[in-house]
């Protein structure tokens, strides 16, 4: 998938989410009920709050930093393994297809 296609898909998702939030707010005003947003993101002190279909989910920033460190470690390890694999592949390729080198 190209970058421009990904941007278009994200844009359509945001437009749909915003439209659903507006219609949900209108229904709440007509029925005098207070249901949560369809999709919302917010910051509260040291936490990120996501609201999806009226349910709130709180994610602490420290937890996100720990997750980021773990992902960074895993990506670095995977990169090293991929480089080693490509080096080995290159050696085999050169031995088979370039015997004079």
PDB file of N, CA and C in Angstrom:
ATOM      1  N   UNK A   1       0.853  -1.178   0.000  1.00  0.00           N
ATOM      2  CA  UNK A   1       0.000   0.000   0.000  1.00  0.00           C
ATOM      3  C   UNK A   1       0.895   1.237   0.000  1.00  0.00           C
ATOM      4  N   UNK A   2       0.579   2.148  -0.865  1.00  0.00           N
ATOM      5  CA  UNK A   2       1.371   3.368  -0.954  1.00  0.00           C
ATOM      6  C   UNK A   2       0.949   4.347   0.127  1.00  0.00           C
ATOM      7  N   UNK A   3       1.834   5.299   0.372  1.00  0.00           N
ATOM      8  CA  UNK A   3       1.606   6.296   1.417  1.00  0.00           C
ATOM      9  C   UNK A   3       0.346   7.107   1.144  1.00  0.00           C
ATOM     10  N   UNK A   4       0.137   7.508  -0.099  1.00  0.00           N
ATOM     11  CA  UNK A   4      -1.037   8.325  -0.431  1.00  0.00           C
ATOM     12  C   UNK A   4      -2.332   7.552  -0.198  1.00  0.00           C
ATOM     13  N   UNK A   5      -2.323   6.246  -0.474  1.00  0.00           N
ATOM     14  CA  UNK A   5      -3.507   5.430  -0.223  1.00  0.00           C
ATOM     15  C   UNK A   5      -3.787   5.325   1.270  1.00  0.00           C
ATOM     16  N   UNK A   6      -2.738   5.175   2.068  1.00  0.00           N
ATOM     17  CA  UNK A   6      -2.901   5.094   3.522  1.00  0.00           C
ATOM     18  C   UNK A   6      -3.466   6.401   4.069  1.00  0.00           C
ATOM     19  N   UNK A   7      -2.985   7.532   3.551  1.00  0.00           N
ATOM     20  CA  UNK A   7      -3.484   8.840   3.996  1.00  0.00           C
ATOM     21  C   UNK A   7      -4.965   8.978   3.639  1.00  0.00           C
ATOM     22  N   UNK A   8      -5.352   8.524   2.452  1.00  0.00           N
ATOM     23  CA  UNK A   8      -6.758   8.615   2.049  1.00  0.00           C
ATOM     24  C   UNK A   8      -7.640   7.742   2.932  1.00  0.00           C
ATOM     25  N   UNK A   9      -7.189   6.544   3.266  1.00  0.00           N
ATOM     26  CA  UNK A   9      -7.966   5.649   4.126  1.00  0.00           C
ATOM     27  C   UNK A   9      -8.121   6.247   5.521  1.00  0.00           C
ATOM     28  N   UNK A  10      -7.053   6.807   6.056  1.00  0.00           N
ATOM     29  CA  UNK A  10      -7.121   7.454   7.373  1.00  0.00           C
ATOM     30  C   UNK A  10      -8.067   8.648   7.324  1.00  0.00           C
ATOM     31  N   UNK A  11      -8.015   9.421   6.240  1.00  0.00           N
ATOM     32  CA  UNK A  11      -8.914  10.562   6.088  1.00  0.00           C
ATOM     33  C   UNK A  11     -10.371  10.143   6.046  1.00  0.00           C
ATOM     34  N   UNK A  12     -10.672   9.076   5.311  1.00  0.00           N
ATOM     35  CA  UNK A  12     -12.053   8.584   5.250  1.00  0.00           C
ATOM     36  C   UNK A  12     -12.497   8.100   6.629  1.00  0.00           C
ATOM     37  N   UNK A  13     -11.627   7.390   7.336  1.00  0.00           N
ATOM     38  CA  UNK A  13     -11.956   6.925   8.684  1.00  0.00           C
ATOM     39  C   UNK A  13     -12.274   8.097   9.607  1.00  0.00           C
ATOM     40  N   UNK A  14     -11.457   9.138   9.550  1.00  0.00           N
ATOM     41  CA  UNK A  14     -11.700  10.314  10.398  1.00  0.00           C
ATOM     42  C   UNK A  14     -13.017  11.000  10.046  1.00  0.00           C
ATOM     43  N   UNK A  15     -13.313  11.127   8.758  1.00  0.00           N
ATOM     44  CA  UNK A  15     -14.580  11.745   8.353  1.00  0.00           C
ATOM     45  C   UNK A  15     -15.780  10.930   8.835  1.00  0.00           C
ATOM     46  N   UNK A  16     -15.697   9.620   8.730  1.00  0.00           N
ATOM     47  CA  UNK A  16     -16.788   8.754   9.202  1.00  0.00           C
ATOM     48  C   UNK A  16     -16.933   8.878  10.720  1.00  0.00           C
ATOM     49  N   UNK A  17     -15.813   8.864  11.447  1.00  0.00           N
ATOM     50  CA  UNK A  17     -15.865   8.984  12.910  1.00  0.00           C
ATOM     51  C   UNK A  17     -16.457  10.324  13.323  1.00  0.00           C
ATOM     52  N   UNK A  18     -16.057  11.397  12.660  1.00  0.00           N
ATOM     53  CA  UNK A  18     -16.600  12.713  12.991  1.00  0.00           C
ATOM     54  C   UNK A  18     -18.089  12.786  12.683  1.00  0.00           C
ATOM     55  N   UNK A  19     -18.508  12.209  11.559  1.00  0.00           N
ATOM     56  CA  UNK A  19     -19.932  12.179  11.223  1.00  0.00           C
ATOM     57  C   UNK A  19     -20.741  11.390  12.240  1.00  0.00           C
ATOM     58  N   UNK A  20     -20.209  10.257  12.689  1.00  0.00           N
ATOM     59  CA  UNK A  20     -20.895   9.465  13.704  1.00  0.00           C
ATOM     60  C   UNK A  20     -20.985  10.218  15.031  1.00  0.00           C
ATOM     61  N   UNK A  21     -19.931  10.952  15.383  1.00  0.00           N
ATOM     62  CA  UNK A  21     -19.965  11.736  16.619  1.00  0.00           C
ATOM     63  C   UNK A  21     -21.024  12.833  16.548  1.00  0.00           C
ATOM     64  N   UNK A  22     -21.130  13.489  15.408  1.00  0.00           N
ATOM     65  CA  UNK A  22     -22.121  14.557  15.255  1.00  0.00           C
ATOM     66  C   UNK A  22     -23.530  13.990  15.340  1.00  0.00           C
ATOM     67  N   UNK A  23     -23.781  12.863  14.647  1.00  0.00           N
ATOM     68  CA  UNK A  23     -25.124  12.274  14.707  1.00  0.00           C
ATOM     69  C   UNK A  23     -25.428  11.747  16.100  1.00  0.00           C
ATOM     70  N   UNK A  24     -24.438  11.205  16.796  1.00  0.00           N
ATOM     71  CA  UNK A  24     -24.630  10.732  18.160  1.00  0.00           C
ATOM     72  C   UNK A  24     -24.978  11.889  19.091  1.00  0.00           C
ATOM     73  N   UNK A  25     -24.304  13.018  18.921  1.00  0.00           N
ATOM     74  CA  UNK A  25     -24.593  14.191  19.740  1.00  0.00           C
ATOM     75  C   UNK A  25     -26.021  14.696  19.465  1.00  0.00           C
ATOM     76  N   UNK A  26     -26.444  14.683  18.215  1.00  0.00           N
ATOM     77  CA  UNK A  26     -27.812  15.108  17.877  1.00  0.00           C
ATOM     78  C   UNK A  26     -28.851  14.184  18.496  1.00  0.00           C
ATOM     79  N   UNK A  27     -28.604  12.884  18.438  1.00  0.00           N
ATOM     80  CA  UNK A  27     -29.530  11.927  19.043  1.00  0.00           C
ATOM     81  C   UNK A  27     -29.590  12.133  20.553  1.00  0.00           C
ATOM     82  N   UNK A  28     -28.447  12.392  21.174  1.00  0.00           N
ATOM     83  CA  UNK A  28     -28.419  12.647  22.622  1.00  0.00           C
ATOM     84  C   UNK A  28     -29.260  13.874  22.979  1.00  0.00           C
ATOM     85  N   UNK A  29     -29.170  14.915  22.164  1.00  0.00           N
ATOM     86  CA  UNK A  29     -29.951  16.118  22.430  1.00  0.00           C
ATOM     87  C   UNK A  29     -31.449  15.874  22.252  1.00  0.00           C
ATOM     88  N   UNK A  30     -31.824  15.076  21.265  1.00  0.00           N
ATOM     89  CA  UNK A  30     -33.242  14.790  21.028  1.00  0.00           C
ATOM     90  C   UNK A  30     -33.849  13.896  22.109  1.00  0.00           C
ATOM     91  N   UNK A  31     -33.086  12.933  22.589  1.00  0.00           N
ATOM     92  CA  UNK A  31     -33.606  11.984  23.569  1.00  0.00           C
ATOM     93  C   UNK A  31     -33.291  12.374  25.007  1.00  0.00           C
ATOM     94  N   UNK A  32     -32.544  13.457  25.199  1.00  0.00           N
ATOM     95  CA  UNK A  32     -32.115  13.924  26.525  1.00  0.00           C
ATOM     96  C   UNK A  32     -31.327  12.862  27.286  1.00  0.00           C
ATOM     97  N   UNK A  33     -30.615  12.039  26.564  1.00  0.00           N
ATOM     98  CA  UNK A  33     -29.723  11.048  27.166  1.00  0.00           C
ATOM     99  C   UNK A  33     -28.283  11.502  26.949  1.00  0.00           C
ATOM    100  N   UNK A  34     -27.401  10.961  27.746  1.00  0.00           N
ATOM    101  CA  UNK A  34     -25.992  11.314  27.582  1.00  0.00           C
ATOM    102  C   UNK A  34     -25.193  10.039  27.372  1.00  0.00           C
ATOM    103  N   UNK A  35     -25.020   9.689  26.116  1.00  0.00           N
ATOM    104  CA  UNK A  35     -24.174   8.560  25.773  1.00  0.00           C
ATOM    105  C   UNK A  35     -22.829   9.101  25.332  1.00  0.00           C
ATOM    106  N   UNK A  36     -21.799   8.300  25.486  1.00  0.00           N
ATOM    107  CA  UNK A  36     -20.460   8.745  25.139  1.00  0.00           C
ATOM    108  C   UNK A  36     -20.267   8.897  23.649  1.00  0.00           C
ATOM    109  N   UNK A  37     -19.148   9.457  23.296  1.00  0.00           N
ATOM    110  CA  UNK A  37     -18.809   9.667  21.885  1.00  0.00           C
ATOM    111  C   UNK A  37     -18.536   8.340  21.191  1.00  0.00           C
ATOM    112  N   UNK A  38     -18.704   8.325  19.884  1.00  0.00           N
ATOM    113  CA  UNK A  38     -18.382   7.138  19.098  1.00  0.00           C
ATOM    114  C   UNK A  38     -16.875   6.931  19.066  1.00  0.00           C
ATOM    115  N   UNK A  39     -16.139   7.995  18.839  1.00  0.00           N
ATOM    116  CA  UNK A  39     -14.676   7.927  18.825  1.00  0.00           C
ATOM    117  C   UNK A  39     -14.112   9.259  19.278  1.00  0.00           C
ATOM    118  N   UNK A  40     -13.282   9.239  20.311  1.00  0.00           N
ATOM    119  CA  UNK A  40     -12.665  10.477  20.800  1.00  0.00           C
ATOM    120  C   UNK A  40     -11.327  10.145  21.457  1.00  0.00           C
ATOM    121  N   UNK A  41     -10.393  11.068  21.358  1.00  0.00           N
ATOM    122  CA  UNK A  41      -9.094  10.960  22.021  1.00  0.00           C
ATOM    123  C   UNK A  41      -8.868  12.213  22.843  1.00  0.00           C
ATOM    124  N   UNK A  42      -8.229  12.052  23.997  1.00  0.00           N
ATOM    125  CA  UNK A  42      -7.958  13.208  24.833  1.00  0.00           C
ATOM    126  C   UNK A  42      -6.795  12.952  25.774  1.00  0.00           C
ATOM    127  N   UNK A  43      -6.291  14.025  26.372  1.00  0.00           N
ATOM    128  CA  UNK A  43      -5.210  13.945  27.345  1.00  0.00           C
ATOM    129  C   UNK A  43      -5.724  14.422  28.699  1.00  0.00           C
ATOM    130  N   UNK A  44      -5.436  13.657  29.720  1.00  0.00           N
ATOM    131  CA  UNK A  44      -5.768  14.049  31.085  1.00  0.00           C
ATOM    132  C   UNK A  44      -4.549  13.823  31.951  1.00  0.00           C
ATOM    133  N   UNK A  45      -3.961  14.892  32.450  1.00  0.00           N
ATOM    134  CA  UNK A  45      -2.761  14.842  33.294  1.00  0.00           C
ATOM    135  C   UNK A  45      -1.686  13.988  32.631  1.00  0.00           C
ATOM    136  N   UNK A  46      -1.442  12.797  33.150  1.00  0.00           N
ATOM    137  CA  UNK A  46      -0.374  11.968  32.579  1.00  0.00           C
ATOM    138  C   UNK A  46      -0.933  10.719  31.897  1.00  0.00           C
ATOM    139  N   UNK A  47      -2.112  10.827  31.329  1.00  0.00           N
ATOM    140  CA  UNK A  47      -2.726   9.670  30.682  1.00  0.00           C
ATOM    141  C   UNK A  47      -3.398  10.079  29.375  1.00  0.00           C
ATOM    142  N   UNK A  48      -3.461   9.144  28.471  1.00  0.00           N
ATOM    143  CA  UNK A  48      -4.181   9.332  27.213  1.00  0.00           C
ATOM    144  C   UNK A  48      -5.506   8.592  27.354  1.00  0.00           C
ATOM    145  N   UNK A  49      -6.588   9.292  27.054  1.00  0.00           N
ATOM    146  CA  UNK A  49      -7.920   8.713  27.197  1.00  0.00           C
ATOM    147  C   UNK A  49      -8.530   8.556  25.815  1.00  0.00           C
ATOM    148  N   UNK A  50      -8.947   7.332  25.507  1.00  0.00           N
ATOM    149  CA  UNK A  50      -9.637   7.044  24.251  1.00  0.00           C
ATOM    150  C   UNK A  50     -11.061   6.629  24.596  1.00  0.00           C
ATOM    151  N   UNK A  51     -12.010   7.192  23.883  1.00  0.00           N
ATOM    152  CA  UNK A  51     -13.404   6.819  24.073  1.00  0.00           C
ATOM    153  C   UNK A  51     -13.903   6.209  22.768  1.00  0.00           C
ATOM    154  N   UNK A  52     -14.354   4.967  22.854  1.00  0.00           N
ATOM    155  CA  UNK A  52     -14.825   4.239  21.687  1.00  0.00           C
ATOM    156  C   UNK A  52     -16.193   3.647  22.006  1.00  0.00           C
ATOM    157  N   UNK A  53     -17.200   4.042  21.234  1.00  0.00           N
ATOM    158  CA  UNK A  53     -18.572   3.579  21.420  1.00  0.00           C
ATOM    159  C   UNK A  53     -19.050   3.768  22.860  1.00  0.00           C
ATOM    160  N   UNK A  54     -18.696   4.898  23.457  1.00  0.00           N
ATOM    161  CA  UNK A  54     -19.174   5.233  24.789  1.00  0.00           C
ATOM    162  C   UNK A  54     -18.350   4.663  25.921  1.00  0.00           C
ATOM    163  N   UNK A  55     -17.385   3.800  25.634  1.00  0.00           N
ATOM    164  CA  UNK A  55     -16.524   3.214  26.660  1.00  0.00           C
ATOM    165  C   UNK A  55     -15.211   3.980  26.713  1.00  0.00           C
ATOM    166  N   UNK A  56     -14.779   4.342  27.915  1.00  0.00           N
ATOM    167  CA  UNK A  56     -13.518   5.069  28.079  1.00  0.00           C
ATOM    168  C   UNK A  56     -12.390   4.099  28.378  1.00  0.00           C
ATOM    169  N   UNK A  57     -11.263   4.324  27.732  1.00  0.00           N
ATOM    170  CA  UNK A  57     -10.065   3.526  27.951  1.00  0.00           C
ATOM    171  C   UNK A  57      -8.930   4.478  28.284  1.00  0.00           C
ATOM    172  N   UNK A  58      -8.284   4.244  29.425  1.00  0.00           N
ATOM    173  CA  UNK A  58      -7.205   5.109  29.886  1.00  0.00           C
ATOM    174  C   UNK A  58      -5.890   4.353  29.735  1.00  0.00           C
ATOM    175  N   UNK A  59      -4.922   5.003  29.118  1.00  0.00           N
ATOM    176  CA  UNK A  59      -3.597   4.417  28.948  1.00  0.00           C
ATOM    177  C   UNK A  59      -2.577   5.379  29.539  1.00  0.00           C
ATOM    178  N   UNK A  60      -1.886   4.919  30.559  1.00  0.00           N
ATOM    179  CA  UNK A  60      -0.905   5.744  31.250  1.00  0.00           C
ATOM    180  C   UNK A  60       0.311   5.986  30.351  1.00  0.00           C
ATOM    181  N   UNK A  61       0.876   7.169  30.390  1.00  0.00           N
ATOM    182  CA  UNK A  61       2.021   7.492  29.527  1.00  0.00           C
ATOM    183  C   UNK A  61       3.233   6.642  29.860  1.00  0.00           C
ATOM    184  N   UNK A  62       3.428   6.331  31.147  1.00  0.00           N
ATOM    185  CA  UNK A  62       4.563   5.483  31.510  1.00  0.00           C
ATOM    186  C   UNK A  62       4.448   4.114  30.841  1.00  0.00           C
ATOM    187  N   UNK A  63       3.234   3.601  30.780  1.00  0.00           N
ATOM    188  CA  UNK A  63       3.006   2.319  30.124  1.00  0.00           C
ATOM    189  C   UNK A  63       3.327   2.424  28.629  1.00  0.00           C
ATOM    190  N   UNK A  64       2.958   3.539  28.015  1.00  0.00           N
ATOM    191  CA  UNK A  64       3.275   3.744  26.600  1.00  0.00           C
ATOM    192  C   UNK A  64       4.775   3.830  26.371  1.00  0.00           C
ATOM    193  N   UNK A  65       5.494   4.513  27.280  1.00  0.00           N
ATOM    194  CA  UNK A  65       6.949   4.598  27.148  1.00  0.00           C
ATOM    195  C   UNK A  65       7.586   3.223  27.268  1.00  0.00           C
ATOM    196  N   UNK A  66       7.088   2.397  28.219  1.00  0.00           N
ATOM    197  CA  UNK A  66       7.610   1.038  28.353  1.00  0.00           C
ATOM    198  C   UNK A  66       7.344   0.234  27.086  1.00  0.00           C
ATOM    199  N   UNK A  67       6.155   0.378  26.539  1.00  0.00           N
ATOM    200  CA  UNK A  67       5.799  -0.319  25.302  1.00  0.00           C
ATOM    201  C   UNK A  67       6.700   0.134  24.156  1.00  0.00           C
ATOM    202  N   UNK A  68       6.965   1.440  24.084  1.00  0.00           N
ATOM    203  CA  UNK A  68       7.829   1.970  23.029  1.00  0.00           C
ATOM    204  C   UNK A  68       9.245   1.400  23.156  1.00  0.00           C
ATOM    205  N   UNK A  69       9.762   1.331  24.387  1.00  0.00           N
ATOM    206  CA  UNK A  69      11.101   0.772  24.579  1.00  0.00           C
ATOM    207  C   UNK A  69      11.150  -0.687  24.159  1.00  0.00           C
ATOM    208  N   UNK A  70      10.108  -1.448  24.516  1.00  0.00           N
ATOM    209  CA  UNK A  70      10.061  -2.860  24.130  1.00  0.00           C
ATOM    210  C   UNK A  70       9.998  -3.039  22.622  1.00  0.00           C
ATOM    211  N   UNK A  71       9.190  -2.230  21.960  1.00  0.00           N
ATOM    212  CA  UNK A  71       9.073  -2.307  20.502  1.00  0.00           C
ATOM    213  C   UNK A  71      10.393  -1.919  19.852  1.00  0.00           C
ATOM    214  N   UNK A  72      11.042  -0.878  20.382  1.00  0.00           N
ATOM    215  CA  UNK A  72      12.333  -0.450  19.832  1.00  0.00           C
ATOM    216  C   UNK A  72      13.362  -1.558  19.959  1.00  0.00           C
ATOM    217  N   UNK A  73      13.403  -2.220  21.117  1.00  0.00           N
ATOM    218  CA  UNK A  73      14.333  -3.334  21.321  1.00  0.00           C
ATOM    219  C   UNK A  73      14.047  -4.460  20.330  1.00  0.00           C
ATOM    220  N   UNK A  74      12.776  -4.791  20.162  1.00  0.00           N
ATOM    221  CA  UNK A  74      12.396  -5.884  19.268  1.00  0.00           C
ATOM    222  C   UNK A  74      12.736  -5.552  17.816  1.00  0.00           C
ATOM    223  N   UNK A  75      12.488  -4.323  17.407  1.00  0.00           N
ATOM    224  CA  UNK A  75      12.798  -3.911  16.033  1.00  0.00           C
ATOM    225  C   UNK A  75      14.304  -3.959  15.801  1.00  0.00           C
ATOM    226  N   UNK A  76      15.079  -3.508  16.782  1.00  0.00           N
ATOM    227  CA  UNK A  76      16.531  -3.530  16.654  1.00  0.00           C
ATOM    228  C   UNK A  76      17.039  -4.965  16.527  1.00  0.00           C
ATOM    229  N   UNK A  77      16.503  -5.858  17.353  1.00  0.00           N
ATOM    230  CA  UNK A  77      16.900  -7.262  17.290  1.00  0.00           C
ATOM    231  C   UNK A  77      16.519  -7.871  15.946  1.00  0.00           C
ATOM    232  N   UNK A  78      15.320  -7.578  15.479  1.00  0.00           N
ATOM    233  CA  UNK A  78      14.876  -8.105  14.188  1.00  0.00           C
ATOM    234  C   UNK A  78      15.721  -7.569  13.052  1.00  0.00           C
ATOM    235  N   UNK A  79      16.104  -6.302  13.138  1.00  0.00           N
ATOM    236  CA  UNK A  79      16.953  -5.705  12.104  1.00  0.00           C
ATOM    237  C   UNK A  79      18.299  -6.412  12.050  1.00  0.00           C
ATOM    238  N   UNK A  80      18.892  -6.686  13.215  1.00  0.00           N
ATOM    239  CA  UNK A  80      20.177  -7.385  13.253  1.00  0.00           C
ATOM    240  C   UNK A  80      20.055  -8.785  12.664  1.00  0.00           C
ATOM    241  N   UNK A  81      18.978  -9.492  12.979  1.00  0.00           N
ATOM    242  CA  UNK A  81      18.765 -10.826  12.426  1.00  0.00           C
ATOM    243  C   UNK A  81      18.580 -10.765  10.913  1.00  0.00           C
ATOM    244  N   UNK A  82      17.851  -9.769  10.433  1.00  0.00           N
ATOM    245  CA  UNK A  82      17.630  -9.626   8.989  1.00  0.00           C
ATOM    246  C   UNK A  82      18.943  -9.312   8.275  1.00  0.00           C
ATOM    247  N   UNK A  83      19.776  -8.453   8.876  1.00  0.00           N
ATOM    248  CA  UNK A  83      21.062  -8.132   8.270  1.00  0.00           C
ATOM    249  C   UNK A  83      21.951  -9.371   8.195  1.00  0.00           C
ATOM    250  N   UNK A  84      21.962 -10.172   9.254  1.00  0.00           N
ATOM    251  CA  UNK A  84      22.769 -11.404   9.255  1.00  0.00           C
ATOM    252  C   UNK A  84      22.266 -12.367   8.189  1.00  0.00           C
ATOM    253  N   UNK A  85      20.963 -12.496   8.059  1.00  0.00           N
ATOM    254  CA  UNK A  85      20.385 -13.374   7.045  1.00  0.00           C
ATOM    255  C   UNK A  85      20.768 -12.905   5.646  1.00  0.00           C
ATOM    256  N   UNK A  86      20.666 -11.596   5.405  1.00  0.00           N
ATOM    257  CA  UNK A  86      21.006 -11.064   4.077  1.00  0.00           C
ATOM    258  C   UNK A  86      22.499 -11.211   3.780  1.00  0.00           C
ATOM    259  N   UNK A  87      23.356 -11.073   4.803  1.00  0.00           N
ATOM    260  CA  UNK A  87      24.794 -11.300   4.599  1.00  0.00           C
ATOM    261  C   UNK A  87      25.045 -12.748   4.190  1.00  0.00           C
ATOM    262  N   UNK A  88      24.412 -13.684   4.908  1.00  0.00           N
ATOM    263  CA  UNK A  88      24.578 -15.100   4.573  1.00  0.00           C
ATOM    264  C   UNK A  88      24.052 -15.387   3.168  1.00  0.00           C
ATOM    265  N   UNK A  89      22.901 -14.824   2.846  1.00  0.00           N
ATOM    266  CA  UNK A  89      22.320 -15.015   1.513  1.00  0.00           C
ATOM    267  C   UNK A  89      23.254 -14.476   0.446  1.00  0.00           C
ATOM    268  N   UNK A  90      23.846 -13.317   0.716  1.00  0.00           N
ATOM    269  CA  UNK A  90      24.765 -12.714  -0.248  1.00  0.00           C
ATOM    270  C   UNK A  90      25.986 -13.594  -0.459  1.00  0.00           C
ATOM    271  N   UNK A  91      26.529 -14.156   0.618  1.00  0.00           N
ATOM    272  CA  UNK A  91      27.685 -15.049   0.491  1.00  0.00           C
ATOM    273  C   UNK A  91      27.337 -16.269  -0.359  1.00  0.00           C
ATOM    274  N   UNK A  92      26.188 -16.877  -0.103  1.00  0.00           N
ATOM    275  CA  UNK A  92      25.769 -18.056  -0.865  1.00  0.00           C
ATOM    276  C   UNK A  92      25.537 -17.677  -2.326  1.00  0.00           C
ATOM    277  N   UNK A  93      24.873 -16.552  -2.552  1.00  0.00           N
ATOM    278  CA  UNK A  93      24.606 -16.095  -3.915  1.00  0.00           C
ATOM    279  C   UNK A  93      25.908 -15.882  -4.668  1.00  0.00           C
ATOM    280  N   UNK A  94      26.863 -15.193  -4.027  1.00  0.00           N
ATOM    281  CA  UNK A  94      28.150 -14.933  -4.679  1.00  0.00           C
ATOM    282  C   UNK A  94      28.922 -16.228  -4.926  1.00  0.00           C
ATOM    283  N   UNK A  95      28.830 -17.182  -4.013  1.00  0.00           N
ATOM    284  CA  UNK A  95      29.545 -18.453  -4.188  1.00  0.00           C
ATOM    285  C   UNK A  95      28.944 -19.262  -5.336  1.00  0.00           C
ATOM    286  N   UNK A  96      27.630 -19.206  -5.495  1.00  0.00           N
ATOM    287  CA  UNK A  96      26.980 -20.009  -6.535  1.00  0.00           C
ATOM    288  C   UNK A  96      27.048 -19.338  -7.898  1.00  0.00           C
ATOM    289  N   UNK A  97      26.761 -18.066  -7.960  1.00  0.00           N
ATOM    290  CA  UNK A  97      26.632 -17.397  -9.252  1.00  0.00           C
ATOM    291  C   UNK A  97      27.859 -16.601  -9.666  1.00  0.00           C
ATOM    292  N   UNK A  98      28.804 -16.397  -8.775  1.00  0.00           N
ATOM    293  CA  UNK A  98      30.050 -15.709  -9.123  1.00  0.00           C
ATOM    294  C   UNK A  98      31.239 -16.509  -8.555  1.00  0.00           C
ATOM    295  N   UNK A  99      31.510 -17.641  -9.122  1.00  0.00           N
ATOM    296  CA  UNK A  99      32.586 -18.471  -8.565  1.00  0.00           C
ATOM    297  C   UNK A  99      33.971 -17.863  -8.741  1.00  0.00           C
ATOM    298  N   UNK A 100      34.147 -16.917  -9.679  1.00  0.00           N
ATOM    299  CA  UNK A 100      35.458 -16.332  -9.909  1.00  0.00           C
ATOM    300  C   UNK A 100      35.784 -15.193  -8.956  1.00  0.00           C
ATOM    301  N   UNK A 101      34.832 -14.747  -8.150  1.00  0.00           N
ATOM    302  CA  UNK A 101      35.078 -13.602  -7.252  1.00  0.00           C
ATOM    303  C   UNK A 101      35.656 -14.077  -5.967  1.00  0.00           C
TER     304      UNK A 101
END
